[in-house]
Amino acid sequence: DRIKVGMPYTITINAEHGNVTFPQTMCDDMSLTATPDYGYHFVKWSDGNTANPRAIELTRDTTFTAQFAPNQYSLSLQCDGSQGIVEGAGVFDYLAQVQISATPAYGYHFSSWSDGNTANPRTYTVTKDVTLTANFAPNTYSLNVSCNAEQGSVTGSGSYSYLSNRTIEAIPNYGYHFAQWNDGNTDNPRTYELRQDTAFVAIFAVDKYGTCGDNLQLTWRYDTGSQTLTISGD
């Protein structure tokens, strides 16, 4: 603004990111007030004076420029540390364009930020102090359980969340018995913590048994899976 103040002096006022106000009734002695826009703060006048408001006495044509600077705001990021990490937090100038990212740990995937935004990585415009939380979710993995259908059946197949505990079971048909799973484990039923796509095969063995000893008073059973012969009786 250029304002004629009395005679014969003129005051020129400049301001960017704010404005300067002064009395409506002009006089040789007056004061200037610099008011910043949102996100900015007053720093000083062009002549180095930092008073605000400031009193001035005009003795010649004068130019005043109010200098403003952007405020700084805190951008905080958080997440469940067992599920992933976040990057990009800090203190930035108003309207700074900041890239933030969320990196999931194994077994998890990024789902959203706490403000509902699903971009990742994401450019965030800083306008105030803010805290954003990265939300992660467990991956889904398949558990496939199979066997020779002529020898028995199995249960427990499906799609389940990472780290979920699932129970699988092998049920032999008549004339067979469960021997082991394909990884050598002999628990049945068996509880398994799912960490990846996994397949198990139940191995059954043919029952072999009979009698022996004097007067056939003993019974025997041979487990072909564990290669164990069991003899019982007197």
Protein backbone atom coordinates (compact mmCIF):
# COMPACT_ATOMS: atom_id res chain seq x y z
CA ASP A 1 0.00 0.00 0.00
CA ARG A 2 1.07 3.63 -0.67
CA ILE A 3 -0.51 6.15 1.69
CA LYS A 4 -0.09 9.95 1.59
CA VAL A 5 0.40 11.05 5.17
CA GLY A 6 -0.06 14.79 5.74
CA MET A 7 2.16 16.90 3.55
CA PRO A 8 4.47 16.15 1.96
CA TYR A 9 5.45 12.55 3.01
CA THR A 10 4.36 9.22 1.59
CA ILE A 11 4.61 5.83 3.40
CA THR A 12 4.79 2.63 1.33
CA ILE A 13 3.96 -0.65 3.10
CA ASN A 14 4.82 -4.10 1.75
CA ALA A 15 3.88 -7.46 3.25
CA GLU A 16 3.85 -11.05 2.00
CA HIS A 17 2.28 -13.85 4.06
CA GLY A 18 0.53 -11.27 6.26
CA ASN A 19 -0.75 -7.71 6.41
CA VAL A 20 0.03 -4.39 8.10
CA THR A 21 -2.57 -2.20 9.80
CA PHE A 22 -2.34 1.43 10.96
CA PRO A 23 -4.75 4.11 12.29
CA GLN A 24 -7.39 5.38 9.91
CA THR A 25 -6.60 8.96 10.98
CA MET A 26 -3.18 9.78 9.65
CA CYS A 27 -0.72 11.92 11.57
CA ASP A 28 2.99 12.47 11.66
CA ASP A 29 3.33 10.07 14.63
CA MET A 30 1.71 6.68 14.04
CA SER A 31 2.14 2.96 14.70
CA LEU A 32 2.23 -0.05 12.40
CA THR A 33 1.02 -3.53 13.32
CA ALA A 34 2.10 -6.59 11.30
CA THR A 35 -0.32 -9.52 11.43
CA PRO A 36 0.90 -12.82 9.91
CA ASP A 37 -1.24 -15.21 7.87
CA TYR A 38 -1.96 -18.61 9.41
CA GLY A 39 1.20 -20.69 9.45
CA TYR A 40 3.55 -17.72 9.59
CA HIS A 41 5.04 -15.44 12.24
CA PHE A 42 6.41 -11.91 12.16
CA VAL A 43 10.21 -11.68 12.08
CA LYS A 44 11.21 -8.04 11.59
CA TRP A 45 10.77 -4.91 9.50
CA SER A 46 12.98 -4.23 6.51
CA ASP A 47 15.07 -1.77 8.54
CA GLY A 48 15.87 -4.45 11.12
CA ASN A 49 13.43 -3.24 13.78
CA THR A 50 11.67 -6.17 15.51
CA ALA A 51 9.05 -4.22 17.47
CA ASN A 52 5.47 -5.16 16.63
CA PRO A 53 3.48 -3.01 16.79
CA ARG A 54 6.05 -0.25 16.24
CA ALA A 55 5.76 3.51 16.51
CA ILE A 56 7.07 5.56 13.61
CA GLU A 57 7.74 9.24 13.04
CA LEU A 58 7.75 10.27 9.41
CA THR A 59 10.43 12.73 8.37
CA ARG A 60 10.59 11.72 4.71
CA ASP A 61 9.00 9.36 2.19
CA THR A 62 9.44 5.92 3.74
CA THR A 63 8.97 2.27 2.78
CA PHE A 64 8.33 -0.42 5.36
CA THR A 65 8.30 -4.11 4.53
CA ALA A 66 7.01 -6.56 7.11
CA GLN A 67 8.99 -9.80 6.90
CA PHE A 68 7.31 -13.04 7.90
CA ALA A 69 8.63 -16.60 8.15
CA PRO A 70 6.84 -19.95 8.14
CA ASN A 71 6.08 -21.58 11.48
CA GLN A 72 7.58 -24.98 12.18
CA TYR A 73 5.40 -27.91 13.09
CA SER A 74 6.06 -31.40 14.41
CA LEU A 75 5.16 -34.42 12.28
CA SER A 76 5.17 -37.52 14.51
CA LEU A 77 4.80 -41.06 13.19
CA GLN A 78 4.04 -44.17 15.16
CA CYS A 79 3.09 -47.83 14.69
CA ASP A 80 3.20 -51.21 16.41
CA GLY A 81 6.94 -51.91 16.37
CA SER A 82 6.40 -55.66 16.15
CA GLN A 83 4.52 -55.23 12.87
CA GLY A 84 6.68 -52.70 11.00
CA ILE A 85 8.53 -49.38 11.01
CA VAL A 86 7.74 -45.81 9.89
CA GLU A 87 10.03 -43.15 8.41
CA GLY A 88 9.78 -39.43 7.69
CA ALA A 89 9.01 -37.88 11.10
CA GLY A 90 10.53 -34.53 12.06
CA VAL A 91 10.01 -30.78 12.45
CA PHE A 92 9.19 -28.94 9.23
CA ASP A 93 8.21 -25.52 7.90
CA TYR A 94 4.56 -24.73 7.27
CA LEU A 95 3.41 -26.15 3.91
CA ALA A 96 6.51 -28.34 3.58
CA GLN A 97 5.96 -31.42 1.39
CA VAL A 98 7.24 -34.41 3.37
CA GLN A 99 7.42 -38.01 2.18
CA ILE A 100 6.50 -40.54 4.84
CA SER A 101 6.51 -44.32 4.52
CA ALA A 102 5.49 -47.43 6.44
CA THR A 103 7.43 -50.68 5.98
CA PRO A 104 5.74 -53.84 7.29
CA ALA A 105 7.61 -56.61 9.08
CA TYR A 106 7.52 -60.14 7.65
CA GLY A 107 4.02 -61.57 7.86
CA TYR A 108 2.27 -58.18 7.76
CA HIS A 109 1.14 -55.65 5.17
CA PHE A 110 0.37 -51.93 5.38
CA SER A 111 -3.36 -51.17 5.50
CA SER A 112 -3.83 -47.42 6.17
CA TRP A 113 -2.77 -44.31 8.07
CA SER A 114 -4.82 -43.18 11.05
CA ASP A 115 -6.39 -40.37 8.98
CA GLY A 116 -7.76 -42.93 6.51
CA ASN A 117 -5.22 -42.30 3.74
CA THR A 118 -3.98 -45.54 2.14
CA ALA A 119 -1.09 -44.18 0.03
CA ASN A 120 2.32 -45.62 0.93
CA PRO A 121 4.77 -43.99 0.54
CA ARG A 122 2.84 -40.76 0.89
CA THR A 123 3.55 -37.04 0.48
CA TYR A 124 2.15 -35.11 3.45
CA THR A 125 1.66 -31.31 3.50
CA VAL A 126 2.56 -29.92 6.93
CA THR A 127 0.00 -27.42 8.26
CA LYS A 128 0.04 -28.11 12.02
CA ASP A 129 1.46 -30.38 14.71
CA VAL A 130 0.19 -33.85 13.89
CA THR A 131 0.66 -37.49 14.83
CA LEU A 132 -0.03 -40.18 12.24
CA THR A 133 -0.22 -43.88 13.02
CA ALA A 134 0.55 -46.54 10.43
CA ASN A 135 -1.83 -49.49 10.64
CA PHE A 136 -0.61 -52.94 9.62
CA ALA A 137 -2.57 -56.18 9.24
CA PRO A 138 -1.41 -59.83 9.24
CA ASN A 139 -1.00 -61.59 5.91
CA THR A 140 -3.17 -64.56 5.07
CA TYR A 141 -1.49 -67.88 4.29
CA SER A 142 -2.82 -71.23 3.08
CA LEU A 143 -2.60 -74.44 5.09
CA ASN A 144 -3.07 -77.51 2.90
CA VAL A 145 -3.48 -80.89 4.60
CA SER A 146 -3.72 -84.04 2.50
CA CYS A 147 -3.38 -87.83 2.60
CA ASN A 148 -4.08 -91.04 0.69
CA ALA A 149 -7.87 -91.02 0.70
CA GLU A 150 -7.99 -94.85 0.64
CA GLN A 151 -6.15 -94.96 3.96
CA GLY A 152 -7.80 -92.16 5.90
CA SER A 153 -8.84 -88.50 6.01
CA VAL A 154 -7.50 -85.22 7.37
CA THR A 155 -8.89 -81.95 8.77
CA GLY A 156 -7.50 -78.42 9.15
CA SER A 157 -7.02 -77.10 5.61
CA GLY A 158 -7.87 -73.44 4.93
CA SER A 159 -6.59 -69.87 4.71
CA TYR A 160 -5.57 -68.28 8.01
CA SER A 161 -3.82 -65.22 9.44
CA TYR A 162 -0.09 -65.06 10.07
CA LEU A 163 0.92 -66.55 13.47
CA SER A 164 -2.51 -68.10 14.03
CA ASN A 165 -2.42 -71.50 15.76
CA ARG A 166 -4.21 -74.14 13.70
CA THR A 167 -4.98 -77.74 14.61
CA ILE A 168 -4.65 -80.48 12.01
CA GLU A 169 -5.67 -84.09 12.47
CA ALA A 170 -5.24 -87.36 10.59
CA ILE A 171 -8.06 -89.94 10.89
CA PRO A 172 -7.15 -93.46 9.66
CA ASN A 173 -9.61 -95.77 7.93
CA TYR A 174 -10.20 -99.27 9.27
CA GLY A 175 -7.09 -101.41 8.89
CA TYR A 176 -4.70 -98.43 9.02
CA HIS A 177 -3.08 -96.29 11.68
CA PHE A 178 -1.48 -92.86 11.60
CA ALA A 179 2.29 -93.08 11.34
CA GLN A 180 3.60 -89.50 10.94
CA TRP A 181 3.40 -86.26 9.01
CA ASN A 182 5.66 -85.73 6.02
CA ASP A 183 8.06 -83.60 8.13
CA GLY A 184 8.54 -86.45 10.62
CA ASN A 185 6.29 -85.04 13.34
CA THR A 186 4.14 -87.72 15.00
CA ASP A 187 1.71 -85.50 16.96
CA ASN A 188 -1.91 -86.22 16.12
CA PRO A 189 -3.87 -84.00 16.50
CA ARG A 190 -1.15 -81.41 15.92
CA THR A 191 -1.15 -77.64 16.57
CA TYR A 192 0.85 -75.56 14.10
CA GLU A 193 1.71 -71.81 14.12
CA LEU A 194 1.20 -70.59 10.56
CA ARG A 195 4.02 -68.39 9.22
CA GLN A 196 3.85 -69.06 5.48
CA ASP A 197 1.99 -71.11 2.88
CA THR A 198 2.34 -74.65 4.23
CA ALA A 199 1.43 -78.17 3.13
CA PHE A 200 1.31 -81.28 5.30
CA VAL A 201 0.78 -84.88 4.19
CA ALA A 202 -0.49 -87.45 6.66
CA ILE A 203 1.19 -90.83 6.30
CA PHE A 204 -0.77 -93.90 7.31
CA ALA A 205 0.49 -97.45 7.72
CA VAL A 206 -1.26 -100.80 7.36
CA ASP A 207 -2.12 -102.46 10.65
CA LYS A 208 -0.18 -105.72 11.11
CA TYR A 209 -1.00 -107.83 14.17
CA GLY A 210 -1.47 -111.37 15.35
CA THR A 211 -0.89 -113.85 18.19
CA CYS A 212 2.19 -115.81 19.22
CA GLY A 213 3.77 -117.73 22.07
CA ASP A 214 2.72 -120.95 23.78
CA ASN A 215 -0.96 -121.49 23.22
CA LEU A 216 -0.95 -118.15 21.33
CA GLN A 217 -1.35 -116.25 24.61
CA LEU A 218 0.61 -113.22 23.38
CA THR A 219 -0.50 -110.58 20.91
CA TRP A 220 1.77 -108.58 18.63
CA ARG A 221 1.41 -105.41 16.62
CA TYR A 222 3.88 -103.94 14.14
CA ASP A 223 3.77 -100.22 13.36
CA THR A 224 5.26 -99.84 9.88
CA GLY A 225 5.48 -96.06 10.29
CA SER A 226 7.76 -96.10 13.34
CA GLN A 227 9.01 -99.62 12.61
CA THR A 228 8.10 -100.67 16.12
CA LEU A 229 7.05 -104.19 17.15
CA THR A 230 4.94 -104.34 20.31
CA ILE A 231 4.29 -107.67 22.12
CA SER A 232 1.86 -107.79 25.04
CA GLY A 233 0.30 -110.38 27.35
CA ASP A 234 1.60 -113.12 29.77
